[in-house]
Structure formats: structure tokens, C-alpha cells
C-alpha atoms as a PDB file:
ATOM      1  CA  MET A   1     -27.410  47.999  24.466  1.00  0.00           C
ATOM      2  CA  ASN A   2     -28.707  44.406  23.433  1.00  0.00           C
ATOM      3  CA  GLN A   3     -30.116  41.796  25.614  1.00  0.00           C
ATOM      4  CA  THR A   4     -31.192  38.226  25.318  1.00  0.00           C
ATOM      5  CA  LEU A   5     -34.182  36.985  27.660  1.00  0.00           C
ATOM      6  CA  LYS A   6     -33.936  33.072  27.681  1.00  0.00           C
ATOM      7  CA  LEU A   7     -37.609  31.896  27.765  1.00  0.00           C
ATOM      8  CA  THR A   8     -38.976  29.211  30.272  1.00  0.00           C
ATOM      9  CA  ALA A   9     -42.197  29.080  28.910  1.00  0.00           C
ATOM     10  CA  PRO A  10     -43.331  29.032  25.029  1.00  0.00           C
ATOM     11  CA  TYR A  11     -43.831  32.945  25.029  1.00  0.00           C
ATOM     12  CA  ILE A  12     -44.465  36.351  26.806  1.00  0.00           C
ATOM     13  CA  THR A  13     -46.366  39.328  26.954  1.00  0.00           C
ATOM     14  CA  LEU A  14     -45.019  42.031  26.175  1.00  0.00           C
ATOM     15  CA  GLY A  15     -46.719  43.590  29.454  1.00  0.00           C
ATOM     16  CA  GLN A  16     -44.823  41.024  31.184  1.00  0.00           C
ATOM     17  CA  LEU A  17     -41.247  41.829  29.144  1.00  0.00           C
ATOM     18  CA  LEU A  18     -41.363  45.431  29.951  1.00  0.00           C
ATOM     19  CA  LYS A  19     -41.524  44.334  34.388  1.00  0.00           C
ATOM     20  CA  ASN A  20     -38.683  42.072  33.294  1.00  0.00           C
ATOM     21  CA  VAL A  21     -36.646  44.489  31.720  1.00  0.00           C
ATOM     22  CA  ASP A  22     -37.372  46.938  35.074  1.00  0.00           C
ATOM     23  CA  VAL A  23     -38.986  49.157  31.942  1.00  0.00           C
ATOM     24  CA  VAL A  24     -42.478  49.495  34.205  1.00  0.00           C
ATOM     25  CA  SER A  25     -43.227  47.991  37.729  1.00  0.00           C
ATOM     26  CA  SER A  26     -46.878  46.652  36.878  1.00  0.00           C
ATOM     27  CA  GLY A  27     -49.158  45.760  33.656  1.00  0.00           C
ATOM     28  CA  GLY A  28     -51.022  49.270  34.459  1.00  0.00           C
ATOM     29  CA  GLN A  29     -48.119  51.468  34.054  1.00  0.00           C
ATOM     30  CA  ALA A  30     -47.145  48.876  30.826  1.00  0.00           C
ATOM     31  CA  LYS A  31     -50.499  50.085  29.370  1.00  0.00           C
ATOM     32  CA  TRP A  32     -50.027  54.269  29.456  1.00  0.00           C
ATOM     33  CA  TYR A  33     -46.018  53.330  28.605  1.00  0.00           C
ATOM     34  CA  LEU A  34     -46.661  51.431  25.504  1.00  0.00           C
ATOM     35  CA  LYS A  35     -49.281  54.545  24.251  1.00  0.00           C
ATOM     36  CA  ASP A  36     -46.084  57.395  25.168  1.00  0.00           C
ATOM     37  CA  HIS A  37     -43.515  55.193  24.149  1.00  0.00           C
ATOM     38  CA  GLN A  38     -42.274  53.901  20.852  1.00  0.00           C
ATOM     39  CA  VAL A  39     -42.098  49.889  20.738  1.00  0.00           C
ATOM     40  CA  LEU A  40     -40.619  48.050  17.996  1.00  0.00           C
ATOM     41  CA  LEU A  41     -41.172  43.950  17.581  1.00  0.00           C
ATOM     42  CA  ASN A  42     -39.299  42.219  14.917  1.00  0.00           C
ATOM     43  CA  GLY A  43     -39.262  46.113  12.784  1.00  0.00           C
ATOM     44  CA  GLN A  44     -43.117  46.671  13.461  1.00  0.00           C
ATOM     45  CA  PRO A  45     -45.156  49.126  15.830  1.00  0.00           C
ATOM     46  CA  GLU A  46     -46.718  47.305  18.618  1.00  0.00           C
ATOM     47  CA  GLN A  47     -49.037  49.079  21.484  1.00  0.00           C
ATOM     48  CA  ARG A  48     -50.716  46.014  22.396  1.00  0.00           C
ATOM     49  CA  ARG A  49     -49.304  45.148  25.735  1.00  0.00           C
ATOM     50  CA  GLY A  50     -50.915  41.390  26.086  1.00  0.00           C
ATOM     51  CA  LYS A  51     -49.341  40.702  22.312  1.00  0.00           C
ATOM     52  CA  LYS A  52     -47.328  37.000  22.874  1.00  0.00           C
ATOM     53  CA  LEU A  53     -43.576  37.184  21.746  1.00  0.00           C
ATOM     54  CA  TYR A  54     -41.680  34.308  20.799  1.00  0.00           C
ATOM     55  CA  PRO A  55     -38.277  32.938  20.877  1.00  0.00           C
ATOM     56  CA  ALA A  56     -36.809  34.439  17.878  1.00  0.00           C
ATOM     57  CA  ASP A  57     -38.469  37.845  18.000  1.00  0.00           C
ATOM     58  CA  ARG A  58     -36.475  41.097  18.523  1.00  0.00           C
ATOM     59  CA  ILE A  59     -38.012  44.058  20.535  1.00  0.00           C
ATOM     60  CA  GLN A  60     -36.923  47.450  20.465  1.00  0.00           C
ATOM     61  CA  ILE A  61     -37.500  49.779  23.065  1.00  0.00           C
ATOM     62  CA  ALA A  62     -36.409  53.629  23.178  1.00  0.00           C
ATOM     63  CA  GLU A  63     -33.864  54.093  25.881  1.00  0.00           C
ATOM     64  CA  VAL A  64     -33.555  50.719  26.656  1.00  0.00           C
ATOM     65  CA  GLY A  65     -32.107  48.865  23.253  1.00  0.00           C
ATOM     66  CA  THR A  66     -32.910  45.480  21.751  1.00  0.00           C
ATOM     67  CA  ILE A  67     -34.009  42.969  23.621  1.00  0.00           C
ATOM     68  CA  ILE A  68     -33.365  38.977  21.686  1.00  0.00           C
ATOM     69  CA  LEU A  69     -35.705  35.821  22.958  1.00  0.00           C
ATOM     70  CA  THR A  70     -34.534  32.582  22.841  1.00  0.00           C
ATOM     71  CA  LYS A  71     -35.639  29.454  24.126  1.00  0.00           C
ATOM     72  CA  VAL A  72     -33.746  27.316  27.252  1.00  0.00           C
ATOM     73  CA  GLU A  73     -32.580  24.634  26.033  1.00  0.00           C
ATOM     74  CA  THR A  74     -33.471  21.218  28.073  1.00  0.00           C
ATOM     75  CA  ASP A  75     -32.081  17.987  28.030  1.00  0.00           C
ATOM     76  CA  GLN A  76     -34.856  15.879  28.947  1.00  0.00           C
ATOM     77  CA  LYS A  77     -34.617  12.727  26.272  1.00  0.00           C
END
């Protein structure tokens, strides 16, 4: 399943992303989850829960699907 996550901040950490998509409920669980499950960031394995993720990054999580990050558009002038 593919889903899009809109960022309101410049970046999100991998641990925060895992919490936002309800894969884990805490940062400690994210650490253990990343040790036991393969997560790909732009096609490359990633195990650091503090890794910063930016708009246009593609995260693939086994049994969850692909998450594409985008930036929230604002109309500030």
C-alpha cells in the first residue's frame, strides 16, 4: 500500500515516522523494530531511528507499504 505523509516541519525522524504510521508506539520500540525489520530509505537499508527524512524521500516498510514524504504547501506571501 502506498501512502503520502505531508510534513509541516522541514524534516521528520525515522522514529517519528514509524510512530505516525502506527508501526510502533514509542521511540524505544522503534529502535527494536528497526533491528528486526527491514526498512528502506530511497532503496537503501536504514536502521537509525534518528535519521532525518525530508520531502521527496521514499520509505518502504515491510508489511506496511511505501510512504512518500511531501511538504505542506502554504500560501504565505
